[in-house]
PDB file of N, CA and C in Angstrom:
ATOM      1  N   MET A   1     269.081  -4.461  35.971  1.00  0.00           N
ATOM      2  CA  MET A   1     270.077  -5.155  35.044  1.00  0.00           C
ATOM      3  C   MET A   1     269.722  -4.508  33.658  1.00  0.00           C
ATOM      4  N   ASN A   2     270.735  -4.205  32.764  1.00  0.00           N
ATOM      5  CA  ASN A   2     270.555  -3.444  31.213  1.00  0.00           C
ATOM      6  C   ASN A   2     270.419  -4.616  30.404  1.00  0.00           C
ATOM      7  N   ILE A   3     269.047  -4.871  29.796  1.00  0.00           N
ATOM      8  CA  ILE A   3     268.751  -5.904  29.062  1.00  0.00           C
ATOM      9  C   ILE A   3     269.580  -5.853  27.521  1.00  0.00           C
ATOM     10  N   GLN A   4     269.854  -4.484  27.359  1.00  0.00           N
ATOM     11  CA  GLN A   4     270.606  -4.410  26.021  1.00  0.00           C
ATOM     12  C   GLN A   4     272.114  -4.661  26.544  1.00  0.00           C
ATOM     13  N   ALA A   5     272.839  -4.429  27.005  1.00  0.00           N
ATOM     14  CA  ALA A   5     274.048  -4.786  27.723  1.00  0.00           C
ATOM     15  C   ALA A   5     273.903  -6.351  27.660  1.00  0.00           C
ATOM     16  N   LEU A   6     273.260  -7.019  28.244  1.00  0.00           N
ATOM     17  CA  LEU A   6     272.861  -8.393  28.313  1.00  0.00           C
ATOM     18  C   LEU A   6     273.156  -9.237  27.139  1.00  0.00           C
ATOM     19  N   HIS A   7     272.306  -8.549  26.374  1.00  0.00           N
ATOM     20  CA  HIS A   7     272.013  -9.113  24.739  1.00  0.00           C
ATOM     21  C   HIS A   7     273.190  -8.757  24.087  1.00  0.00           C
ATOM     22  N   GLU A   8     273.774  -7.736  23.984  1.00  0.00           N
ATOM     23  CA  GLU A   8     275.265  -7.203  23.275  1.00  0.00           C
ATOM     24  C   GLU A   8     276.210  -8.606  23.736  1.00  0.00           C
ATOM     25  N   ALA A   9     276.217  -8.804  25.288  1.00  0.00           N
ATOM     26  CA  ALA A   9     277.189  -9.514  25.413  1.00  0.00           C
ATOM     27  C   ALA A   9     277.155 -11.255  25.264  1.00  0.00           C
ATOM     28  N   ASN A  10     275.860 -11.267  25.103  1.00  0.00           N
ATOM     29  CA  ASN A  10     275.598 -12.716  24.490  1.00  0.00           C
ATOM     30  C   ASN A  10     275.797 -12.936  22.936  1.00  0.00           C
ATOM     31  N   VAL A  11     275.515 -12.071  22.188  1.00  0.00           N
ATOM     32  CA  VAL A  11     275.551 -11.656  20.934  1.00  0.00           C
ATOM     33  C   VAL A  11     277.185 -11.981  20.627  1.00  0.00           C
ATOM     34  N   ARG A  12     277.883 -11.196  21.635  1.00  0.00           N
ATOM     35  CA  ARG A  12     279.285 -11.177  21.355  1.00  0.00           C
ATOM     36  C   ARG A  12     280.043 -12.407  21.683  1.00  0.00           C
ATOM     37  N   PHE A  13     279.356 -13.090  22.811  1.00  0.00           N
ATOM     38  CA  PHE A  13     280.030 -14.329  23.416  1.00  0.00           C
ATOM     39  C   PHE A  13     279.895 -15.398  22.134  1.00  0.00           C
ATOM     40  N   GLU A  14     278.826 -15.308  21.713  1.00  0.00           N
ATOM     41  CA  GLU A  14     278.383 -16.354  20.727  1.00  0.00           C
ATOM     42  C   GLU A  14     279.380 -15.969  19.352  1.00  0.00           C
ATOM     43  N   HIS A  15     279.524 -14.823  19.222  1.00  0.00           N
ATOM     44  CA  HIS A  15     280.462 -14.699  17.752  1.00  0.00           C
ATOM     45  C   HIS A  15     281.941 -14.994  18.220  1.00  0.00           C
ATOM     46  N   CYS A  16     282.385 -14.830  19.300  1.00  0.00           N
ATOM     47  CA  CYS A  16     283.842 -15.444  19.901  1.00  0.00           C
ATOM     48  C   CYS A  16     283.799 -17.177  19.518  1.00  0.00           C
ATOM     49  N   MET A  17     282.665 -17.620  19.930  1.00  0.00           N
ATOM     50  CA  MET A  17     282.550 -19.023  19.989  1.00  0.00           C
ATOM     51  C   MET A  17     282.699 -19.379  18.575  1.00  0.00           C
ATOM     52  N   ALA A  18     282.062 -18.638  17.742  1.00  0.00           N
ATOM     53  CA  ALA A  18     281.750 -19.026  15.971  1.00  0.00           C
ATOM     54  C   ALA A  18     283.269 -18.813  15.633  1.00  0.00           C
ATOM     55  N   LEU A  19     284.039 -17.995  15.908  1.00  0.00           N
ATOM     56  CA  LEU A  19     285.350 -17.725  15.307  1.00  0.00           C
ATOM     57  C   LEU A  19     286.357 -18.848  15.784  1.00  0.00           C
ATOM     58  N   ASP A  20     285.863 -19.304  16.861  1.00  0.00           N
ATOM     59  CA  ASP A  20     286.816 -20.865  17.557  1.00  0.00           C
ATOM     60  C   ASP A  20     286.578 -22.045  16.562  1.00  0.00           C
ATOM     61  N   PHE A  21     285.424 -21.906  15.979  1.00  0.00           N
ATOM     62  CA  PHE A  21     284.836 -22.984  15.055  1.00  0.00           C
ATOM     63  C   PHE A  21     285.277 -23.180  13.769  1.00  0.00           C
ATOM     64  N   GLU A  22     285.563 -21.378  13.291  1.00  0.00           N
ATOM     65  CA  GLU A  22     286.002 -21.319  11.839  1.00  0.00           C
ATOM     66  C   GLU A  22     287.173 -21.636  11.510  1.00  0.00           C
ATOM     67  N   ALA A  23     287.800 -22.845  10.831  1.00  0.00           N
ATOM     68  CA  ALA A  23     289.131 -22.764  10.668  1.00  0.00           C
ATOM     69  C   ALA A  23     289.888 -21.740   9.840  1.00  0.00           C
ATOM     70  N   ALA A  24     289.248 -21.138   9.111  1.00  0.00           N
ATOM     71  CA  ALA A  24     289.991 -19.968   8.264  1.00  0.00           C
ATOM     72  C   ALA A  24     290.158 -18.830   9.197  1.00  0.00           C
ATOM     73  N   ALA A  25     289.659 -18.682  10.559  1.00  0.00           N
ATOM     74  CA  ALA A  25     289.908 -17.516  11.609  1.00  0.00           C
ATOM     75  C   ALA A  25     291.372 -17.711  12.134  1.00  0.00           C
ATOM     76  N   ARG A  26     291.819 -16.619  11.808  1.00  0.00           N
ATOM     77  CA  ARG A  26     293.684 -16.702  12.401  1.00  0.00           C
ATOM     78  C   ARG A  26     293.364 -16.503  13.859  1.00  0.00           C
ATOM     79  N   ARG A  27     294.578 -17.035  14.356  1.00  0.00           N
ATOM     80  CA  ARG A  27     294.537 -17.302  16.064  1.00  0.00           C
ATOM     81  C   ARG A  27     294.408 -15.992  16.728  1.00  0.00           C
ATOM     82  N   GLU A  28     295.169 -14.818  15.906  1.00  0.00           N
ATOM     83  CA  GLU A  28     295.373 -13.445  16.710  1.00  0.00           C
ATOM     84  C   GLU A  28     293.826 -12.966  16.736  1.00  0.00           C
ATOM     85  N   LEU A  29     293.266 -12.979  15.860  1.00  0.00           N
ATOM     86  CA  LEU A  29     291.657 -12.749  15.660  1.00  0.00           C
ATOM     87  C   LEU A  29     290.876 -13.256  16.701  1.00  0.00           C
ATOM     88  N   ARG A  30     291.011 -14.423  16.909  1.00  0.00           N
ATOM     89  CA  ARG A  30     290.185 -15.618  17.550  1.00  0.00           C
ATOM     90  C   ARG A  30     290.325 -14.799  19.182  1.00  0.00           C
ATOM     91  N   ARG A  31     291.529 -14.584  19.332  1.00  0.00           N
ATOM     92  CA  ARG A  31     292.225 -14.259  20.876  1.00  0.00           C
ATOM     93  C   ARG A  31     291.844 -12.762  21.073  1.00  0.00           C
ATOM     94  N   ALA A  32     291.769 -11.743  20.136  1.00  0.00           N
ATOM     95  CA  ALA A  32     291.388 -10.517  20.221  1.00  0.00           C
ATOM     96  C   ALA A  32     289.802 -10.601  20.434  1.00  0.00           C
ATOM     97  N   CYS A  33     289.089 -11.177  19.808  1.00  0.00           N
ATOM     98  CA  CYS A  33     287.817 -11.364  20.321  1.00  0.00           C
ATOM     99  C   CYS A  33     287.461 -11.736  21.544  1.00  0.00           C
ATOM    100  N   TRP A  34     288.167 -12.709  22.103  1.00  0.00           N
ATOM    101  CA  TRP A  34     287.979 -13.213  23.810  1.00  0.00           C
ATOM    102  C   TRP A  34     288.804 -12.180  24.668  1.00  0.00           C
ATOM    103  N   VAL A  35     289.573 -11.315  24.340  1.00  0.00           N
ATOM    104  CA  VAL A  35     290.327 -10.190  25.352  1.00  0.00           C
ATOM    105  C   VAL A  35     288.950  -9.205  25.038  1.00  0.00           C
ATOM    106  N   GLU A  36     288.707  -8.646  23.956  1.00  0.00           N
ATOM    107  CA  GLU A  36     287.671  -7.836  24.024  1.00  0.00           C
ATOM    108  C   GLU A  36     286.239  -8.172  24.790  1.00  0.00           C
ATOM    109  N   TRP A  37     285.964  -9.400  24.811  1.00  0.00           N
ATOM    110  CA  TRP A  37     284.718  -9.711  25.737  1.00  0.00           C
ATOM    111  C   TRP A  37     284.968  -9.737  27.342  1.00  0.00           C
ATOM    112  N   VAL A  38     286.221 -10.295  27.680  1.00  0.00           N
ATOM    113  CA  VAL A  38     286.556  -9.997  28.875  1.00  0.00           C
ATOM    114  C   VAL A  38     286.539  -8.697  29.425  1.00  0.00           C
ATOM    115  N   ALA A  39     287.321  -7.730  28.457  1.00  0.00           N
ATOM    116  CA  ALA A  39     287.046  -6.605  28.700  1.00  0.00           C
ATOM    117  C   ALA A  39     286.246  -5.544  29.146  1.00  0.00           C
ATOM    118  N   HIS A  40     285.149  -5.850  28.051  1.00  0.00           N
ATOM    119  CA  HIS A  40     283.837  -5.313  28.010  1.00  0.00           C
ATOM    120  C   HIS A  40     282.502  -5.798  27.998  1.00  0.00           C
ATOM    121  N   TYR A  41     282.433  -6.994  28.103  1.00  0.00           N
ATOM    122  CA  TYR A  41     281.059  -7.702  27.796  1.00  0.00           C
ATOM    123  C   TYR A  41     280.744  -8.678  28.969  1.00  0.00           C
ATOM    124  N   THR A  42     281.486  -8.615  30.362  1.00  0.00           N
ATOM    125  CA  THR A  42     281.197  -9.585  31.498  1.00  0.00           C
ATOM    126  C   THR A  42     279.936  -9.156  31.977  1.00  0.00           C
ATOM    127  N   TYR A  43     279.307  -8.306  31.739  1.00  0.00           N
ATOM    128  CA  TYR A  43     278.097  -7.717  32.679  1.00  0.00           C
ATOM    129  C   TYR A  43     276.933  -8.633  32.867  1.00  0.00           C
ATOM    130  N   ALA A  44     276.680  -9.297  33.761  1.00  0.00           N
ATOM    131  CA  ALA A  44     275.623 -10.073  34.190  1.00  0.00           C
ATOM    132  C   ALA A  44     275.903 -11.383  33.341  1.00  0.00           C
ATOM    133  N   GLN A  45     277.093 -11.792  33.036  1.00  0.00           N
ATOM    134  CA  GLN A  45     277.403 -13.117  32.625  1.00  0.00           C
ATOM    135  C   GLN A  45     278.069 -14.077  33.732  1.00  0.00           C
ATOM    136  N   THR A  46     277.526 -15.465  33.404  1.00  0.00           N
ATOM    137  CA  THR A  46     277.753 -16.445  34.137  1.00  0.00           C
ATOM    138  C   THR A  46     279.326 -16.543  34.502  1.00  0.00           C
ATOM    139  N   ARG A  47     279.525 -16.977  35.869  1.00  0.00           N
ATOM    140  CA  ARG A  47     280.797 -17.375  35.925  1.00  0.00           C
ATOM    141  C   ARG A  47     281.563 -18.446  35.059  1.00  0.00           C
ATOM    142  N   ALA A  48     280.756 -19.257  34.429  1.00  0.00           N
ATOM    143  CA  ALA A  48     281.194 -20.415  33.598  1.00  0.00           C
ATOM    144  C   ALA A  48     281.625 -19.643  32.153  1.00  0.00           C
ATOM    145  N   ARG A  49     280.828 -18.595  31.794  1.00  0.00           N
ATOM    146  CA  ARG A  49     281.213 -17.802  30.546  1.00  0.00           C
ATOM    147  C   ARG A  49     282.696 -17.193  31.029  1.00  0.00           C
ATOM    148  N   ILE A  50     282.488 -16.570  31.994  1.00  0.00           N
ATOM    149  CA  ILE A  50     283.574 -15.671  32.149  1.00  0.00           C
ATOM    150  C   ILE A  50     284.936 -16.726  32.260  1.00  0.00           C
ATOM    151  N   ALA A  51     285.003 -17.872  32.948  1.00  0.00           N
ATOM    152  CA  ALA A  51     286.064 -18.488  33.086  1.00  0.00           C
ATOM    153  C   ALA A  51     286.269 -19.300  31.642  1.00  0.00           C
ATOM    154  N   HIS A  52     285.264 -19.422  30.870  1.00  0.00           N
ATOM    155  CA  HIS A  52     285.737 -19.960  29.411  1.00  0.00           C
ATOM    156  C   HIS A  52     286.363 -18.978  28.615  1.00  0.00           C
ATOM    157  N   ALA A  53     285.983 -17.710  28.477  1.00  0.00           N
ATOM    158  CA  ALA A  53     286.474 -16.691  27.760  1.00  0.00           C
ATOM    159  C   ALA A  53     287.877 -16.418  28.419  1.00  0.00           C
ATOM    160  N   GLU A  54     288.035 -16.440  29.619  1.00  0.00           N
ATOM    161  CA  GLU A  54     289.680 -16.181  30.175  1.00  0.00           C
ATOM    162  C   GLU A  54     290.385 -17.151  29.699  1.00  0.00           C
ATOM    163  N   ALA A  55     290.136 -18.749  29.993  1.00  0.00           N
ATOM    164  CA  ALA A  55     290.538 -20.070  29.522  1.00  0.00           C
ATOM    165  C   ALA A  55     291.106 -19.742  27.983  1.00  0.00           C
ATOM    166  N   ARG A  56     290.009 -19.150  27.141  1.00  0.00           N
ATOM    167  CA  ARG A  56     290.638 -19.054  25.820  1.00  0.00           C
ATOM    168  C   ARG A  56     291.430 -17.889  25.465  1.00  0.00           C
ATOM    169  N   VAL A  57     291.563 -16.827  26.365  1.00  0.00           N
ATOM    170  CA  VAL A  57     292.450 -15.844  25.966  1.00  0.00           C
ATOM    171  C   VAL A  57     293.763 -16.513  26.481  1.00  0.00           C
ATOM    172  N   THR A  58     293.726 -17.359  27.504  1.00  0.00           N
ATOM    173  CA  THR A  58     295.214 -17.964  27.830  1.00  0.00           C
ATOM    174  C   THR A  58     295.594 -19.023  27.104  1.00  0.00           C
ATOM    175  N   GLU A  59     294.498 -19.980  26.425  1.00  0.00           N
ATOM    176  CA  GLU A  59     295.209 -20.943  25.393  1.00  0.00           C
ATOM    177  C   GLU A  59     295.446 -20.337  24.163  1.00  0.00           C
ATOM    178  N   LEU A  60     294.876 -19.000  23.627  1.00  0.00           N
ATOM    179  CA  LEU A  60     295.140 -18.568  22.477  1.00  0.00           C
ATOM    180  C   LEU A  60     296.149 -17.540  22.431  1.00  0.00           C
ATOM    181  N   GLY A  61     296.867 -17.359  23.488  1.00  0.00           N
ATOM    182  CA  GLY A  61     297.726 -16.400  24.066  1.00  0.00           C
ATOM    183  C   GLY A  61     299.382 -16.605  23.765  1.00  0.00           C
ATOM    184  N   HIS A  62     299.401 -18.089  23.624  1.00  0.00           N
ATOM    185  CA  HIS A  62     300.746 -18.659  23.523  1.00  0.00           C
ATOM    186  C   HIS A  62     301.308 -18.351  22.008  1.00  0.00           C
ATOM    187  N   ASP A  63     302.569 -17.634  22.166  1.00  0.00           N
ATOM    188  CA  ASP A  63     303.270 -17.281  20.957  1.00  0.00           C
ATOM    189  C   ASP A  63     303.219 -18.276  19.640  1.00  0.00           C
ATOM    190  N   ALA A  64     302.240 -18.178  18.971  1.00  0.00           N
ATOM    191  CA  ALA A  64     302.017 -19.022  17.784  1.00  0.00           C
ATOM    192  C   ALA A  64     303.372 -18.826  16.768  1.00  0.00           C
ATOM    193  N   SER A  65     303.666 -17.777  16.594  1.00  0.00           N
ATOM    194  CA  SER A  65     304.557 -17.563  15.430  1.00  0.00           C
ATOM    195  C   SER A  65     305.801 -18.115  15.709  1.00  0.00           C
ATOM    196  N   ALA A  66     305.961 -18.519  16.949  1.00  0.00           N
ATOM    197  CA  ALA A  66     307.450 -19.092  17.221  1.00  0.00           C
ATOM    198  C   ALA A  66     307.436 -20.504  16.883  1.00  0.00           C
ATOM    199  N   SER A  67     305.942 -21.086  17.107  1.00  0.00           N
ATOM    200  CA  SER A  67     305.759 -22.481  16.676  1.00  0.00           C
ATOM    201  C   SER A  67     305.601 -22.812  15.244  1.00  0.00           C
ATOM    202  N   ASP A  68     305.257 -21.827  14.881  1.00  0.00           N
ATOM    203  CA  ASP A  68     304.679 -21.614  13.231  1.00  0.00           C
ATOM    204  C   ASP A  68     306.054 -21.514  12.836  1.00  0.00           C
ATOM    205  N   ALA A  69     307.035 -20.619  12.918  1.00  0.00           N
ATOM    206  CA  ALA A  69     308.415 -20.431  12.342  1.00  0.00           C
ATOM    207  C   ALA A  69     309.139 -21.911  12.507  1.00  0.00           C
ATOM    208  N   ALA A  70     308.938 -22.608  13.717  1.00  0.00           N
ATOM    209  CA  ALA A  70     309.971 -23.395  14.095  1.00  0.00           C
ATOM    210  C   ALA A  70     309.361 -24.666  12.991  1.00  0.00           C
ATOM    211  N   ALA A  71     308.316 -24.952  12.855  1.00  0.00           N
ATOM    212  CA  ALA A  71     307.405 -25.949  11.852  1.00  0.00           C
ATOM    213  C   ALA A  71     308.049 -25.643  10.337  1.00  0.00           C
ATOM    214  N   ALA A  72     307.909 -24.137  10.089  1.00  0.00           N
ATOM    215  CA  ALA A  72     308.222 -23.940   8.808  1.00  0.00           C
ATOM    216  C   ALA A  72     309.597 -24.190   8.250  1.00  0.00           C
ATOM    217  N   ALA A  73     310.851 -23.838   9.683  1.00  0.00           N
ATOM    218  CA  ALA A  73     311.945 -24.392   9.483  1.00  0.00           C
ATOM    219  C   ALA A  73     312.180 -25.666   9.303  1.00  0.00           C
ATOM    220  N   LYS A  74     311.426 -26.395  10.186  1.00  0.00           N
ATOM    221  CA  LYS A  74     311.529 -27.928   9.882  1.00  0.00           C
ATOM    222  C   LYS A  74     311.203 -28.481   8.479  1.00  0.00           C
ATOM    223  N   ASP A  75     310.137 -28.125   8.024  1.00  0.00           N
ATOM    224  CA  ASP A  75     309.506 -28.452   6.712  1.00  0.00           C
ATOM    225  C   ASP A  75     310.663 -28.086   5.788  1.00  0.00           C
ATOM    226  N   SER A  76     310.968 -26.720   5.737  1.00  0.00           N
ATOM    227  CA  SER A  76     312.281 -26.497   4.676  1.00  0.00           C
ATOM    228  C   SER A  76     313.499 -26.995   4.784  1.00  0.00           C
ATOM    229  N   ALA A  77     313.925 -27.609   6.100  1.00  0.00           N
ATOM    230  CA  ALA A  77     315.041 -28.362   6.121  1.00  0.00           C
ATOM    231  C   ALA A  77     314.759 -29.750   5.466  1.00  0.00           C
ATOM    232  N   ALA A  78     313.622 -30.416   5.690  1.00  0.00           N
ATOM    233  CA  ALA A  78     313.084 -31.541   5.153  1.00  0.00           C
ATOM    234  C   ALA A  78     312.968 -31.553   3.159  1.00  0.00           C
ATOM    235  N   ALA A  79     312.643 -30.408   2.890  1.00  0.00           N
ATOM    236  CA  ALA A  79     312.575 -30.285   1.706  1.00  0.00           C
ATOM    237  C   ALA A  79     313.898 -30.030   1.125  1.00  0.00           C
ATOM    238  N   ALA A  80     314.777 -29.328   1.608  1.00  0.00           N
ATOM    239  CA  ALA A  80     316.210 -29.225   1.433  1.00  0.00           C
ATOM    240  C   ALA A  80     316.819 -30.752   1.140  1.00  0.00           C
ATOM    241  N   THR A  81     316.664 -31.428   2.136  1.00  0.00           N
ATOM    242  CA  THR A  81     317.342 -32.776   2.167  1.00  0.00           C
ATOM    243  C   THR A  81     316.806 -33.649   0.985  1.00  0.00           C
ATOM    244  N   ASP A  82     315.363 -33.737   0.828  1.00  0.00           N
ATOM    245  CA  ASP A  82     314.822 -34.408  -0.016  1.00  0.00           C
ATOM    246  C   ASP A  82     315.419 -34.043  -1.665  1.00  0.00           C
ATOM    247  N   SER A  83     315.488 -32.741  -1.781  1.00  0.00           N
ATOM    248  CA  SER A  83     315.735 -32.509  -3.044  1.00  0.00           C
ATOM    249  C   SER A  83     317.273 -32.281  -3.359  1.00  0.00           C
ATOM    250  N   ALA A  84     318.206 -32.607  -2.386  1.00  0.00           N
ATOM    251  CA  ALA A  84     319.559 -32.912  -2.419  1.00  0.00           C
ATOM    252  C   ALA A  84     319.995 -34.609  -2.692  1.00  0.00           C
ATOM    253  N   ALA A  85     318.987 -35.297  -2.214  1.00  0.00           N
ATOM    254  CA  ALA A  85     319.074 -36.720  -2.144  1.00  0.00           C
ATOM    255  C   ALA A  85     319.483 -37.045  -3.703  1.00  0.00           C
ATOM    256  N   ALA A  86     320.166 -38.486  -4.013  1.00  0.00           N
ATOM    257  CA  ALA A  86     320.668 -38.636  -5.307  1.00  0.00           C
ATOM    258  C   ALA A  86     318.893 -39.336  -5.910  1.00  0.00           C
ATOM    259  N   PRO A  87     318.954 -39.125  -7.250  1.00  0.00           N
ATOM    260  CA  PRO A  87     317.526 -39.944  -7.794  1.00  0.00           C
ATOM    261  C   PRO A  87     317.654 -41.407  -7.968  1.00  0.00           C
ATOM    262  N   SER A  88     316.797 -41.957  -7.626  1.00  0.00           N
ATOM    263  CA  SER A  88     316.406 -43.484  -7.373  1.00  0.00           C
ATOM    264  C   SER A  88     317.120 -44.259  -8.357  1.00  0.00           C
ATOM    265  N   SER A  89     317.361 -43.414  -9.997  1.00  0.00           N
ATOM    266  CA  SER A  89     317.967 -44.331 -10.966  1.00  0.00           C
ATOM    267  C   SER A  89     319.481 -44.497 -10.815  1.00  0.00           C
ATOM    268  N   ALA A  90     320.091 -43.382  -9.852  1.00  0.00           N
ATOM    269  CA  ALA A  90     321.412 -43.579  -9.814  1.00  0.00           C
ATOM    270  C   ALA A  90     321.836 -44.499  -8.561  1.00  0.00           C
ATOM    271  N   ALA A  91     321.197 -45.305  -7.911  1.00  0.00           N
ATOM    272  CA  ALA A  91     321.170 -46.061  -7.143  1.00  0.00           C
ATOM    273  C   ALA A  91     322.115 -47.364  -7.389  1.00  0.00           C
ATOM    274  N   GLY A  92     322.934 -47.652  -6.844  1.00  0.00           N
ATOM    275  CA  GLY A  92     323.842 -48.789  -7.142  1.00  0.00           C
ATOM    276  C   GLY A  92     325.122 -48.323  -8.074  1.00  0.00           C
ATOM    277  N   LEU A  93     325.222 -47.040  -8.477  1.00  0.00           N
ATOM    278  CA  LEU A  93     326.407 -46.683  -9.561  1.00  0.00           C
ATOM    279  C   LEU A  93     327.353 -46.230  -8.791  1.00  0.00           C
ATOM    280  N   ALA A  94     328.586 -46.450  -8.886  1.00  0.00           N
ATOM    281  CA  ALA A  94     329.566 -46.038  -8.262  1.00  0.00           C
ATOM    282  C   ALA A  94     330.052 -44.462  -9.132  1.00  0.00           C
ATOM    283  N   PRO A  95     330.425 -43.697  -7.946  1.00  0.00           N
ATOM    284  CA  PRO A  95     330.634 -42.118  -8.764  1.00  0.00           C
ATOM    285  C   PRO A  95     331.881 -42.184  -9.781  1.00  0.00           C
ATOM    286  N   SER A  96     331.442 -41.493 -10.530  1.00  0.00           N
ATOM    287  CA  SER A  96     332.546 -41.495 -11.852  1.00  0.00           C
ATOM    288  C   SER A  96     333.780 -40.444 -11.368  1.00  0.00           C
ATOM    289  N   ARG A  97     335.190 -40.670 -11.615  1.00  0.00           N
ATOM    290  CA  ARG A  97     336.208 -39.977 -11.238  1.00  0.00           C
ATOM    291  C   ARG A  97     336.807 -39.453 -12.636  1.00  0.00           C
ATOM    292  N   VAL A  98     337.031 -38.127 -12.457  1.00  0.00           N
ATOM    293  CA  VAL A  98     337.603 -37.275 -13.690  1.00  0.00           C
ATOM    294  C   VAL A  98     338.978 -38.067 -13.674  1.00  0.00           C
ATOM    295  N   GLY A  99     339.053 -38.388 -15.001  1.00  0.00           N
ATOM    296  CA  GLY A  99     340.607 -38.762 -15.391  1.00  0.00           C
ATOM    297  C   GLY A  99     340.747 -40.473 -15.411  1.00  0.00           C
ATOM    298  N   GLU A 100     339.797 -41.141 -15.011  1.00  0.00           N
ATOM    299  CA  GLU A 100     339.679 -42.563 -14.887  1.00  0.00           C
ATOM    300  C   GLU A 100     338.704 -43.114 -16.040  1.00  0.00           C
ATOM    301  N   GLU A 101     339.387 -44.229 -16.484  1.00  0.00           N
ATOM    302  CA  GLU A 101     338.368 -44.916 -17.514  1.00  0.00           C
ATOM    303  C   GLU A 101     338.294 -46.217 -17.220  1.00  0.00           C
TER     304      GLU A 101
END
């Protein structure tokens, strides 16, 4: 067993775990970390760690951009509807017509 390889795998696993708990870390960065760990750092690791890493790759692999775009479109539509609404001070007033007095 290569102690240096085992140490590097452990350090890298902990790094990926830390990224998962870092709120500011982008999804793509977290996924890339786990993909790299699965590809290069599984030497002498437990099945549980390997399974966890593979599960994280799968969980983070969903296309976040599509769901983010849908959420942004929904927020944009809601904002447009809110800005087009009549002000509350106009409630109860009939619309004026040109030429009528």
